[in-house]
């Protein structure tokens, strides 16, 4: 008569190394998720470290015993979705660099400027009070390229026109004309300020 070996008793969370206990793993996971939105690469690194940790051995569960493989799989899929989502936003942020004209300011008719003007209008006090929406920026023309200003020879006048564009905007109140003024706050970092009137 042969005896079947009894299953090994589950490792108790109190006997696990500190980094494999539930609350430590949860804290690492929460910190990684919060960092994804602020400092993507650091958050992504912590996410990967956390996933390696949970799959390399037992992790304590809330009660007694250890986390099941199905729970680990759910956390892994959730983490990979968040990594992918935030990675796409990072990539989108990089490709959102504006196409620059010869004067170093964004091209007025570029998709970057059209999006920036639409967002500025939709975040304006009139839009926040309700009743106004910029649907699409139809075109953009640099003030420096307009016939009335093109012949200017005064350097000061030319400087005043830098970064200024005229736009035709389709809104929920019809087509309206706006002037945008673009200023660099930190050109290397891609930080800017735009005012639309």
N, C-alpha and C. Protein backbone atom coordinates (compact mmCIF):
# COMPACT_ATOMS: atom_id res chain seq x y z
N UNK A 1 0.86 -1.18 0.00
CA UNK A 1 0.00 0.00 0.00
C UNK A 1 0.90 1.24 0.00
N UNK A 2 0.68 2.06 -1.01
CA UNK A 2 1.52 3.25 -1.12
C UNK A 2 0.79 4.45 -0.55
N UNK A 3 1.56 5.34 0.05
CA UNK A 3 0.98 6.56 0.62
C UNK A 3 1.18 7.70 -0.37
N UNK A 4 0.12 8.46 -0.61
CA UNK A 4 0.27 9.65 -1.46
C UNK A 4 0.79 10.78 -0.60
N UNK A 5 1.80 11.47 -1.11
CA UNK A 5 2.36 12.56 -0.28
C UNK A 5 1.34 13.67 -0.12
N UNK A 6 1.26 14.17 1.07
CA UNK A 6 0.34 15.28 1.33
C UNK A 6 0.95 16.56 0.79
N UNK A 7 0.10 17.50 0.28
CA UNK A 7 0.65 18.74 -0.27
C UNK A 7 1.38 19.54 0.79
N UNK A 8 2.43 20.20 0.35
CA UNK A 8 3.20 21.02 1.29
C UNK A 8 2.33 22.15 1.81
N UNK A 9 2.42 22.45 3.09
CA UNK A 9 1.60 23.53 3.63
C UNK A 9 1.98 24.87 2.99
N UNK A 10 0.97 25.70 2.78
CA UNK A 10 1.22 27.02 2.17
C UNK A 10 2.11 27.85 3.07
N UNK A 11 3.00 28.58 2.44
CA UNK A 11 3.91 29.44 3.19
C UNK A 11 3.11 30.58 3.81
N UNK A 12 3.25 30.76 5.10
CA UNK A 12 2.52 31.81 5.79
C UNK A 12 3.15 33.16 5.50
N UNK A 13 2.33 34.19 5.28
CA UNK A 13 2.88 35.52 4.99
C UNK A 13 3.89 36.01 6.03
N UNK A 14 3.68 35.65 7.30
CA UNK A 14 4.59 36.11 8.35
C UNK A 14 5.97 35.48 8.24
N UNK A 15 6.08 34.37 7.51
CA UNK A 15 7.37 33.68 7.35
C UNK A 15 8.09 34.13 6.08
N UNK A 16 7.44 34.94 5.26
CA UNK A 16 8.04 35.37 3.99
C UNK A 16 9.03 36.50 4.21
N UNK A 17 9.98 36.65 3.25
CA UNK A 17 10.85 37.83 3.32
C UNK A 17 10.00 39.11 3.24
N UNK A 18 10.49 40.18 3.79
CA UNK A 18 9.70 41.42 3.88
C UNK A 18 9.23 41.90 2.52
N UNK A 19 10.04 41.75 1.48
CA UNK A 19 9.67 42.27 0.16
C UNK A 19 8.62 41.41 -0.54
N UNK A 20 8.27 40.25 0.03
CA UNK A 20 7.24 39.40 -0.55
C UNK A 20 5.92 39.48 0.22
N UNK A 21 5.87 40.32 1.21
CA UNK A 21 4.63 40.46 1.97
C UNK A 21 3.64 41.36 1.23
N UNK A 22 2.38 41.13 1.45
CA UNK A 22 1.32 41.78 0.67
C UNK A 22 1.42 43.29 0.68
N UNK A 23 1.54 43.90 1.85
CA UNK A 23 1.48 45.37 1.94
C UNK A 23 2.68 46.03 1.29
N UNK A 24 3.84 45.37 1.36
CA UNK A 24 5.04 45.91 0.69
C UNK A 24 4.85 45.86 -0.83
N UNK A 25 4.36 44.70 -1.33
CA UNK A 25 4.13 44.56 -2.77
C UNK A 25 3.06 45.54 -3.25
N UNK A 26 2.02 45.71 -2.45
CA UNK A 26 0.96 46.67 -2.82
C UNK A 26 1.49 48.09 -2.87
N UNK A 27 2.32 48.46 -1.89
CA UNK A 27 2.90 49.81 -1.87
C UNK A 27 3.77 50.04 -3.11
N UNK A 28 4.58 49.03 -3.48
CA UNK A 28 5.42 49.14 -4.68
C UNK A 28 4.56 49.32 -5.92
N UNK A 29 3.46 48.59 -6.01
CA UNK A 29 2.55 48.65 -7.16
C UNK A 29 1.90 50.03 -7.26
N UNK A 30 1.42 50.56 -6.13
CA UNK A 30 0.76 51.87 -6.12
C UNK A 30 1.76 52.97 -6.50
N UNK A 31 2.97 52.91 -5.95
CA UNK A 31 4.00 53.92 -6.29
C UNK A 31 4.32 53.86 -7.78
N UNK A 32 4.44 52.65 -8.33
CA UNK A 32 4.74 52.49 -9.75
C UNK A 32 3.64 53.09 -10.61
N UNK A 33 2.37 52.84 -10.24
CA UNK A 33 1.26 53.38 -11.02
C UNK A 33 1.20 54.90 -10.95
N UNK A 34 1.46 55.47 -9.77
CA UNK A 34 1.45 56.93 -9.63
C UNK A 34 2.58 57.56 -10.44
N UNK A 35 3.74 56.91 -10.43
CA UNK A 35 4.88 57.47 -11.17
C UNK A 35 4.70 57.41 -12.67
N UNK A 36 3.88 56.46 -13.15
CA UNK A 36 3.67 56.35 -14.60
C UNK A 36 3.15 57.66 -15.19
N UNK A 37 2.29 58.35 -14.45
CA UNK A 37 1.72 59.60 -14.93
C UNK A 37 2.63 60.79 -14.77
N UNK A 38 3.68 60.66 -13.94
CA UNK A 38 4.56 61.79 -13.66
C UNK A 38 5.92 61.60 -14.33
N UNK A 39 6.56 60.49 -14.04
CA UNK A 39 7.88 60.18 -14.60
C UNK A 39 7.79 58.79 -15.21
N UNK A 40 7.43 58.75 -16.49
CA UNK A 40 7.04 57.48 -17.13
C UNK A 40 8.10 56.39 -16.98
N UNK A 41 9.36 56.68 -17.31
CA UNK A 41 10.37 55.63 -17.33
C UNK A 41 10.66 55.07 -15.95
N UNK A 42 10.64 55.91 -14.93
CA UNK A 42 10.83 55.42 -13.56
C UNK A 42 9.65 54.54 -13.15
N UNK A 43 8.43 55.01 -13.46
CA UNK A 43 7.24 54.22 -13.16
C UNK A 43 7.23 52.90 -13.91
N UNK A 44 7.64 52.92 -15.20
CA UNK A 44 7.69 51.69 -15.99
C UNK A 44 8.70 50.71 -15.41
N UNK A 45 9.83 51.24 -14.97
CA UNK A 45 10.85 50.37 -14.36
C UNK A 45 10.34 49.70 -13.09
N UNK A 46 9.63 50.47 -12.26
CA UNK A 46 9.06 49.89 -11.03
C UNK A 46 7.98 48.87 -11.35
N UNK A 47 7.17 49.13 -12.39
CA UNK A 47 6.14 48.17 -12.81
C UNK A 47 6.78 46.85 -13.21
N UNK A 48 7.84 46.92 -14.01
CA UNK A 48 8.53 45.71 -14.46
C UNK A 48 9.13 44.98 -13.26
N UNK A 49 9.75 45.74 -12.33
CA UNK A 49 10.32 45.14 -11.12
C UNK A 49 9.24 44.43 -10.32
N UNK A 50 8.08 45.07 -10.19
CA UNK A 50 6.97 44.46 -9.45
C UNK A 50 6.50 43.18 -10.12
N UNK A 51 6.37 43.18 -11.45
CA UNK A 51 5.90 41.99 -12.16
C UNK A 51 6.91 40.84 -12.05
N UNK A 52 8.20 41.18 -12.12
CA UNK A 52 9.23 40.14 -11.92
C UNK A 52 9.12 39.58 -10.51
N UNK A 53 8.90 40.46 -9.53
CA UNK A 53 8.81 40.04 -8.14
C UNK A 53 7.64 39.07 -7.92
N UNK A 54 6.47 39.40 -8.46
CA UNK A 54 5.31 38.54 -8.17
C UNK A 54 5.39 37.20 -8.90
N UNK A 55 6.09 37.17 -10.05
CA UNK A 55 6.17 35.90 -10.78
C UNK A 55 7.39 35.06 -10.40
N UNK A 56 8.29 35.62 -9.60
CA UNK A 56 9.50 34.87 -9.23
C UNK A 56 9.33 34.05 -7.95
N UNK A 57 8.16 34.10 -7.35
CA UNK A 57 7.93 33.34 -6.13
C UNK A 57 6.62 33.73 -5.48
N UNK A 58 6.33 33.18 -4.31
CA UNK A 58 5.06 33.48 -3.65
C UNK A 58 5.01 34.91 -3.12
N UNK A 59 3.82 35.49 -3.18
CA UNK A 59 3.56 36.82 -2.63
C UNK A 59 2.40 36.67 -1.64
N UNK A 60 2.51 37.28 -0.52
CA UNK A 60 1.46 37.18 0.48
C UNK A 60 0.14 37.75 -0.01
N UNK A 61 -0.95 37.14 0.40
CA UNK A 61 -2.29 37.63 0.08
C UNK A 61 -2.80 38.44 1.26
N UNK A 62 -4.01 39.03 1.11
CA UNK A 62 -4.56 39.87 2.19
C UNK A 62 -4.76 39.04 3.45
N UNK A 63 -5.34 37.86 3.28
CA UNK A 63 -5.55 36.99 4.44
C UNK A 63 -4.34 36.10 4.64
N UNK A 64 -4.59 34.84 4.96
CA UNK A 64 -3.51 33.86 5.10
C UNK A 64 -3.17 33.30 3.73
N UNK A 65 -2.01 32.74 3.59
CA UNK A 65 -1.63 32.10 2.34
C UNK A 65 -0.97 33.07 1.36
N UNK A 66 -0.96 32.65 0.10
CA UNK A 66 -0.26 33.41 -0.93
C UNK A 66 -1.21 33.77 -2.07
N UNK A 67 -0.76 34.71 -2.87
CA UNK A 67 -1.55 35.18 -4.01
C UNK A 67 -1.64 34.08 -5.06
N UNK A 68 -2.83 33.89 -5.61
CA UNK A 68 -3.03 32.86 -6.63
C UNK A 68 -2.48 33.31 -7.98
N UNK A 69 -2.22 32.32 -8.86
CA UNK A 69 -1.72 32.65 -10.19
C UNK A 69 -2.73 33.44 -11.00
N UNK A 70 -4.02 33.18 -10.80
CA UNK A 70 -5.04 33.93 -11.55
C UNK A 70 -5.02 35.41 -11.13
N UNK A 71 -4.81 35.67 -9.85
CA UNK A 71 -4.70 37.06 -9.38
C UNK A 71 -3.45 37.71 -9.94
N UNK A 72 -2.35 36.98 -9.98
CA UNK A 72 -1.10 37.50 -10.56
C UNK A 72 -1.31 37.83 -12.04
N UNK A 73 -2.02 36.94 -12.77
CA UNK A 73 -2.27 37.16 -14.20
C UNK A 73 -3.11 38.41 -14.41
N UNK A 74 -4.13 38.60 -13.56
CA UNK A 74 -4.98 39.79 -13.67
C UNK A 74 -4.16 41.06 -13.46
N UNK A 75 -3.32 41.06 -12.43
CA UNK A 75 -2.47 42.23 -12.13
C UNK A 75 -1.51 42.48 -13.28
N UNK A 76 -0.96 41.41 -13.85
CA UNK A 76 -0.01 41.55 -14.97
C UNK A 76 -0.68 42.18 -16.18
N UNK A 77 -1.87 41.67 -16.54
CA UNK A 77 -2.59 42.22 -17.71
C UNK A 77 -2.94 43.68 -17.46
N UNK A 78 -3.44 44.00 -16.27
CA UNK A 78 -3.78 45.38 -15.91
C UNK A 78 -2.55 46.28 -16.00
N UNK A 79 -1.41 45.80 -15.49
CA UNK A 79 -0.17 46.58 -15.53
C UNK A 79 0.32 46.82 -16.95
N UNK A 80 0.24 45.78 -17.80
CA UNK A 80 0.68 45.94 -19.19
C UNK A 80 -0.20 46.91 -19.96
N UNK A 81 -1.51 46.89 -19.68
CA UNK A 81 -2.43 47.85 -20.33
C UNK A 81 -2.06 49.27 -19.92
N UNK A 82 -1.80 49.49 -18.63
CA UNK A 82 -1.42 50.83 -18.17
C UNK A 82 -0.08 51.27 -18.76
N UNK A 83 0.87 50.34 -18.82
CA UNK A 83 2.16 50.67 -19.43
C UNK A 83 1.99 51.09 -20.89
N UNK A 84 1.19 50.31 -21.62
CA UNK A 84 0.95 50.62 -23.03
C UNK A 84 0.25 51.95 -23.22
N UNK A 85 -0.76 52.21 -22.40
CA UNK A 85 -1.53 53.46 -22.48
C UNK A 85 -0.63 54.66 -22.22
N UNK A 86 0.15 54.59 -21.13
CA UNK A 86 1.03 55.71 -20.80
C UNK A 86 2.17 55.83 -21.81
N UNK A 87 2.63 54.70 -22.35
CA UNK A 87 3.68 54.74 -23.37
C UNK A 87 3.20 55.45 -24.63
N UNK A 88 1.94 55.19 -25.02
CA UNK A 88 1.38 55.88 -26.19
C UNK A 88 1.29 57.38 -25.95
N UNK A 89 0.92 57.77 -24.74
CA UNK A 89 0.85 59.20 -24.42
C UNK A 89 2.23 59.84 -24.45
N UNK A 90 3.24 59.10 -23.99
CA UNK A 90 4.62 59.60 -24.06
C UNK A 90 5.02 59.82 -25.51
N UNK A 91 4.73 58.83 -26.35
CA UNK A 91 5.08 58.91 -27.76
C UNK A 91 4.33 60.05 -28.43
N UNK A 92 3.06 60.20 -28.08
CA UNK A 92 2.24 61.28 -28.64
C UNK A 92 2.80 62.64 -28.24
N UNK A 93 3.25 62.74 -26.98
CA UNK A 93 3.84 63.99 -26.50
C UNK A 93 5.11 64.35 -27.24
N UNK A 94 5.91 63.31 -27.58
CA UNK A 94 7.14 63.57 -28.32
C UNK A 94 6.86 64.02 -29.75
N UNK A 95 5.89 63.36 -30.39
CA UNK A 95 5.60 63.70 -31.77
C UNK A 95 4.80 64.99 -31.88
N UNK A 96 4.35 65.54 -30.74
CA UNK A 96 3.57 66.77 -30.77
C UNK A 96 4.45 68.01 -30.88
N UNK A 97 5.76 67.81 -31.07
CA UNK A 97 6.65 68.95 -31.27
C UNK A 97 6.23 69.70 -32.53
N UNK A 98 6.16 71.02 -32.45
CA UNK A 98 5.66 71.78 -33.60
C UNK A 98 6.66 71.87 -34.74
N UNK A 99 6.10 72.00 -35.95
CA UNK A 99 6.90 72.32 -37.13
C UNK A 99 7.19 73.82 -37.05
N UNK A 100 8.47 74.18 -37.10
CA UNK A 100 8.84 75.59 -36.90
C UNK A 100 9.09 76.30 -38.22
N UNK A 101 8.69 77.57 -38.25
CA UNK A 101 8.97 78.43 -39.40
C UNK A 101 10.39 78.97 -39.28
N UNK A 102 10.81 79.79 -40.24
CA UNK A 102 12.17 80.34 -40.22
C UNK A 102 12.43 81.22 -39.01
N UNK A 103 11.37 81.85 -38.48
CA UNK A 103 11.56 82.73 -37.32
C UNK A 103 11.61 81.96 -36.00
N UNK A 104 11.52 80.61 -36.04
CA UNK A 104 11.61 79.81 -34.83
C UNK A 104 10.29 79.60 -34.11
N UNK A 105 9.19 80.08 -34.71
CA UNK A 105 7.87 79.90 -34.12
C UNK A 105 7.09 78.86 -34.93
N UNK A 106 6.09 78.23 -34.31
CA UNK A 106 5.33 77.20 -35.04
C UNK A 106 4.64 77.77 -36.28
N UNK A 107 4.57 76.93 -37.31
CA UNK A 107 3.86 77.29 -38.54
C UNK A 107 2.38 77.47 -38.20
N UNK A 108 1.81 78.60 -38.59
CA UNK A 108 0.44 78.95 -38.19
C UNK A 108 -0.60 77.95 -38.67
N UNK A 109 -0.37 77.35 -39.84
CA UNK A 109 -1.36 76.45 -40.42
C UNK A 109 -1.07 74.98 -40.10
N UNK A 110 -0.12 74.73 -39.18
CA UNK A 110 0.24 73.36 -38.84
C UNK A 110 -0.83 72.75 -37.93
N UNK A 111 -0.87 71.42 -37.92
CA UNK A 111 -1.84 70.72 -37.05
C UNK A 111 -1.56 71.03 -35.59
N UNK A 112 -0.28 71.24 -35.23
CA UNK A 112 0.09 71.58 -33.86
C UNK A 112 -0.59 72.89 -33.44
N UNK A 113 -0.45 73.94 -34.27
CA UNK A 113 -1.03 75.24 -33.92
C UNK A 113 -2.55 75.18 -33.91
N UNK A 114 -3.13 74.47 -34.88
CA UNK A 114 -4.59 74.36 -34.92
C UNK A 114 -5.12 73.70 -33.64
N UNK A 115 -4.43 72.63 -33.21
CA UNK A 115 -4.85 71.95 -31.99
C UNK A 115 -4.67 72.86 -30.77
N UNK A 116 -3.53 73.59 -30.72
CA UNK A 116 -3.26 74.47 -29.58
C UNK A 116 -4.29 75.59 -29.49
N UNK A 117 -4.67 76.16 -30.63
CA UNK A 117 -5.67 77.24 -30.66
C UNK A 117 -7.04 76.70 -30.23
N UNK A 118 -7.41 75.53 -30.75
CA UNK A 118 -8.71 74.95 -30.37
C UNK A 118 -8.76 74.67 -28.87
N UNK A 119 -7.67 74.10 -28.31
CA UNK A 119 -7.64 73.81 -26.88
C UNK A 119 -7.69 75.08 -26.04
N UNK A 120 -6.98 76.12 -26.49
CA UNK A 120 -7.00 77.40 -25.76
C UNK A 120 -8.41 77.98 -25.74
N UNK A 121 -9.09 77.93 -26.88
CA UNK A 121 -10.47 78.46 -26.93
C UNK A 121 -11.42 77.63 -26.08
N UNK A 122 -11.26 76.32 -26.11
CA UNK A 122 -12.16 75.45 -25.34
C UNK A 122 -11.87 75.46 -23.85
N UNK A 123 -10.72 76.02 -23.45
CA UNK A 123 -10.41 76.19 -22.02
C UNK A 123 -10.60 77.63 -21.56
N UNK A 124 -11.17 78.46 -22.43
CA UNK A 124 -11.35 79.88 -22.11
C UNK A 124 -12.52 80.06 -21.15
N UNK A 125 -12.62 81.24 -20.51
CA UNK A 125 -13.76 81.50 -19.61
C UNK A 125 -15.12 81.33 -20.30
N UNK A 126 -15.21 81.74 -21.58
CA UNK A 126 -16.49 81.62 -22.30
C UNK A 126 -16.89 80.15 -22.44
N UNK A 127 -15.90 79.29 -22.70
CA UNK A 127 -16.20 77.86 -22.84
C UNK A 127 -16.53 77.24 -21.49
N UNK A 128 -15.82 77.68 -20.44
CA UNK A 128 -16.08 77.12 -19.10
C UNK A 128 -17.44 77.53 -18.58
N UNK A 129 -17.89 78.73 -18.95
CA UNK A 129 -19.24 79.16 -18.53
C UNK A 129 -20.31 78.39 -19.29
N UNK A 130 -19.93 77.79 -20.40
CA UNK A 130 -20.87 77.01 -21.20
C UNK A 130 -21.39 77.83 -22.36
N UNK A 131 -21.82 77.12 -23.38
CA UNK A 131 -22.42 77.81 -24.52
C UNK A 131 -21.46 78.08 -25.67
N UNK A 132 -20.15 77.82 -25.46
CA UNK A 132 -19.19 78.05 -26.56
C UNK A 132 -18.34 76.81 -26.74
N UNK A 133 -18.10 76.47 -28.02
CA UNK A 133 -17.21 75.36 -28.33
C UNK A 133 -16.52 75.62 -29.66
N UNK A 134 -15.20 75.54 -29.65
CA UNK A 134 -14.43 75.60 -30.90
C UNK A 134 -14.37 74.18 -31.45
N UNK A 135 -14.95 73.98 -32.62
CA UNK A 135 -15.04 72.64 -33.20
C UNK A 135 -13.80 72.32 -34.02
N UNK A 136 -13.39 73.25 -34.87
CA UNK A 136 -12.23 72.99 -35.74
C UNK A 136 -11.61 74.31 -36.16
N UNK A 137 -10.27 74.35 -36.16
CA UNK A 137 -9.55 75.51 -36.68
C UNK A 137 -9.31 75.24 -38.16
N UNK A 138 -9.89 76.08 -39.01
CA UNK A 138 -9.88 75.82 -40.44
C UNK A 138 -8.58 76.21 -41.12
N UNK A 139 -7.97 77.31 -40.66
CA UNK A 139 -6.72 77.73 -41.29
C UNK A 139 -5.94 78.61 -40.33
N UNK A 140 -4.74 78.93 -40.72
CA UNK A 140 -3.89 79.82 -39.94
C UNK A 140 -2.92 80.54 -40.84
N UNK A 141 -2.79 81.85 -40.65
CA UNK A 141 -1.89 82.66 -41.47
C UNK A 141 -1.03 83.51 -40.56
N UNK A 142 0.27 83.53 -40.83
CA UNK A 142 1.18 84.34 -40.05
C UNK A 142 0.95 85.82 -40.37
N UNK A 143 0.92 86.66 -39.34
CA UNK A 143 0.77 88.10 -39.57
C UNK A 143 1.92 88.63 -40.42
N UNK A 144 3.11 88.07 -40.22
CA UNK A 144 4.28 88.54 -40.97
C UNK A 144 4.15 88.25 -42.47
N UNK A 145 3.30 87.27 -42.84
CA UNK A 145 3.12 86.90 -44.25
C UNK A 145 1.95 87.63 -44.91
N UNK A 146 1.18 88.38 -44.14
CA UNK A 146 0.05 89.10 -44.73
C UNK A 146 0.56 90.27 -45.56
N UNK A 147 -0.06 90.51 -46.72
CA UNK A 147 0.42 91.57 -47.62
C UNK A 147 0.56 92.92 -46.93
N UNK A 148 -0.35 93.25 -46.04
CA UNK A 148 -0.31 94.57 -45.41
C UNK A 148 0.92 94.74 -44.51
N UNK A 149 1.46 93.60 -43.98
CA UNK A 149 2.61 93.67 -43.07
C UNK A 149 3.91 93.23 -43.73
N UNK A 150 3.83 92.56 -44.88
CA UNK A 150 5.01 91.95 -45.47
C UNK A 150 6.08 92.97 -45.86
N UNK A 151 5.66 94.17 -46.20
CA UNK A 151 6.61 95.18 -46.67
C UNK A 151 7.29 95.93 -45.52
N UNK A 152 6.98 95.59 -44.29
CA UNK A 152 7.58 96.31 -43.16
C UNK A 152 9.09 96.13 -43.15
N UNK A 153 9.79 97.22 -42.95
CA UNK A 153 11.25 97.14 -42.86
C UNK A 153 11.71 97.41 -41.43
N UNK A 154 10.85 98.00 -40.63
CA UNK A 154 11.21 98.31 -39.24
C UNK A 154 11.37 97.00 -38.46
N UNK A 155 12.57 96.76 -37.93
CA UNK A 155 12.85 95.51 -37.23
C UNK A 155 11.95 95.34 -36.00
N UNK A 156 11.65 96.41 -35.30
CA UNK A 156 10.80 96.33 -34.12
C UNK A 156 9.41 95.83 -34.51
N UNK A 157 8.87 96.36 -35.61
CA UNK A 157 7.55 95.93 -36.07
C UNK A 157 7.54 94.46 -36.42
N UNK A 158 8.65 94.00 -37.04
CA UNK A 158 8.74 92.59 -37.39
C UNK A 158 8.77 91.71 -36.14
N UNK A 159 9.49 92.17 -35.12
CA UNK A 159 9.57 91.40 -33.87
C UNK A 159 8.20 91.29 -33.20
N UNK A 160 7.44 92.38 -33.27
CA UNK A 160 6.09 92.38 -32.66
C UNK A 160 5.20 91.35 -33.34
N UNK A 161 5.42 91.12 -34.63
CA UNK A 161 4.58 90.18 -35.38
C UNK A 161 4.99 88.72 -35.20
N UNK A 162 6.18 88.47 -34.65
CA UNK A 162 6.64 87.10 -34.50
C UNK A 162 5.71 86.31 -33.57
N UNK A 163 5.34 85.13 -34.02
CA UNK A 163 4.48 84.26 -33.20
C UNK A 163 3.01 84.61 -33.25
N UNK A 164 2.65 85.60 -34.09
CA UNK A 164 1.24 86.00 -34.19
C UNK A 164 0.62 85.39 -35.44
N UNK A 165 -0.56 84.80 -35.26
CA UNK A 165 -1.26 84.16 -36.38
C UNK A 165 -2.72 84.60 -36.39
N UNK A 166 -3.29 84.60 -37.58
CA UNK A 166 -4.73 84.84 -37.73
C UNK A 166 -5.37 83.51 -38.12
N UNK A 167 -6.47 83.15 -37.43
CA UNK A 167 -7.12 81.85 -37.65
C UNK A 167 -8.60 82.04 -37.94
N UNK A 168 -9.12 81.18 -38.79
CA UNK A 168 -10.56 81.06 -38.99
C UNK A 168 -10.98 79.80 -38.26
N UNK A 169 -11.93 79.96 -37.34
CA UNK A 169 -12.32 78.85 -36.47
C UNK A 169 -13.81 78.56 -36.65
N UNK A 170 -14.11 77.28 -36.87
CA UNK A 170 -15.50 76.84 -36.91
C UNK A 170 -15.94 76.56 -35.48
N UNK A 171 -16.93 77.31 -35.01
CA UNK A 171 -17.43 77.13 -33.65
C UNK A 171 -18.91 76.77 -33.70
N UNK A 172 -19.48 76.51 -32.54
CA UNK A 172 -20.92 76.23 -32.50
C UNK A 172 -21.73 77.52 -32.68
N UNK A 173 -21.04 78.64 -32.87
CA UNK A 173 -21.70 79.92 -33.14
C UNK A 173 -21.35 80.43 -34.54
N UNK A 174 -20.82 79.54 -35.38
CA UNK A 174 -20.46 79.91 -36.75
C UNK A 174 -18.96 80.07 -36.90
N UNK A 175 -18.53 80.55 -38.08
CA UNK A 175 -17.10 80.79 -38.33
C UNK A 175 -16.71 82.13 -37.75
N UNK A 176 -15.64 82.12 -36.95
CA UNK A 176 -15.16 83.35 -36.30
C UNK A 176 -13.66 83.48 -36.54
N UNK A 177 -13.17 84.71 -36.53
CA UNK A 177 -11.75 84.98 -36.70
C UNK A 177 -11.09 85.25 -35.35
N UNK A 178 -9.90 84.68 -35.15
CA UNK A 178 -9.15 84.87 -33.90
C UNK A 178 -7.69 85.13 -34.21
N UNK A 179 -7.04 85.83 -33.29
CA UNK A 179 -5.60 86.05 -33.37
C UNK A 179 -4.94 85.27 -32.24
N UNK A 180 -3.90 84.49 -32.58
CA UNK A 180 -3.14 83.78 -31.55
C UNK A 180 -1.77 84.41 -31.42
N UNK A 181 -1.29 84.47 -30.18
CA UNK A 181 0.06 84.95 -29.90
C UNK A 181 0.81 83.83 -29.19
N UNK A 182 1.87 83.36 -29.80
CA UNK A 182 2.64 82.22 -29.29
C UNK A 182 3.94 82.72 -28.69
N UNK A 183 4.25 82.26 -27.47
CA UNK A 183 5.52 82.63 -26.82
C UNK A 183 6.17 81.37 -26.27
N UNK A 184 7.47 81.25 -26.47
CA UNK A 184 8.20 80.14 -25.88
C UNK A 184 8.51 80.45 -24.42
N UNK A 185 8.22 79.50 -23.54
CA UNK A 185 8.66 79.59 -22.14
C UNK A 185 10.00 78.87 -21.99
N UNK A 186 10.11 77.70 -22.63
CA UNK A 186 11.36 76.94 -22.65
C UNK A 186 11.36 76.14 -23.95
N UNK A 187 12.04 76.67 -24.94
CA UNK A 187 11.99 76.07 -26.28
C UNK A 187 12.56 74.65 -26.29
N UNK A 188 13.66 74.43 -25.56
CA UNK A 188 14.30 73.11 -25.54
C UNK A 188 13.37 72.05 -24.94
N UNK A 189 12.62 72.45 -23.91
CA UNK A 189 11.71 71.50 -23.24
C UNK A 189 10.35 71.45 -23.92
N UNK A 190 10.13 72.32 -24.92
CA UNK A 190 8.85 72.33 -25.63
C UNK A 190 7.73 72.97 -24.85
N UNK A 191 8.07 73.83 -23.86
CA UNK A 191 7.06 74.51 -23.05
C UNK A 191 6.76 75.86 -23.67
N UNK A 192 5.45 76.19 -23.78
CA UNK A 192 5.05 77.42 -24.45
C UNK A 192 3.79 77.99 -23.81
N UNK A 193 3.52 79.22 -24.17
CA UNK A 193 2.29 79.89 -23.74
C UNK A 193 1.59 80.42 -24.99
N UNK A 194 0.30 80.20 -25.08
CA UNK A 194 -0.44 80.71 -26.24
C UNK A 194 -1.66 81.48 -25.75
N UNK A 195 -1.84 82.67 -26.32
CA UNK A 195 -3.00 83.50 -25.99
C UNK A 195 -3.82 83.67 -27.27
N UNK A 196 -5.13 83.47 -27.17
CA UNK A 196 -6.01 83.58 -28.33
C UNK A 196 -7.06 84.64 -28.03
N UNK A 197 -7.21 85.60 -28.96
CA UNK A 197 -8.19 86.67 -28.77
C UNK A 197 -9.09 86.77 -29.98
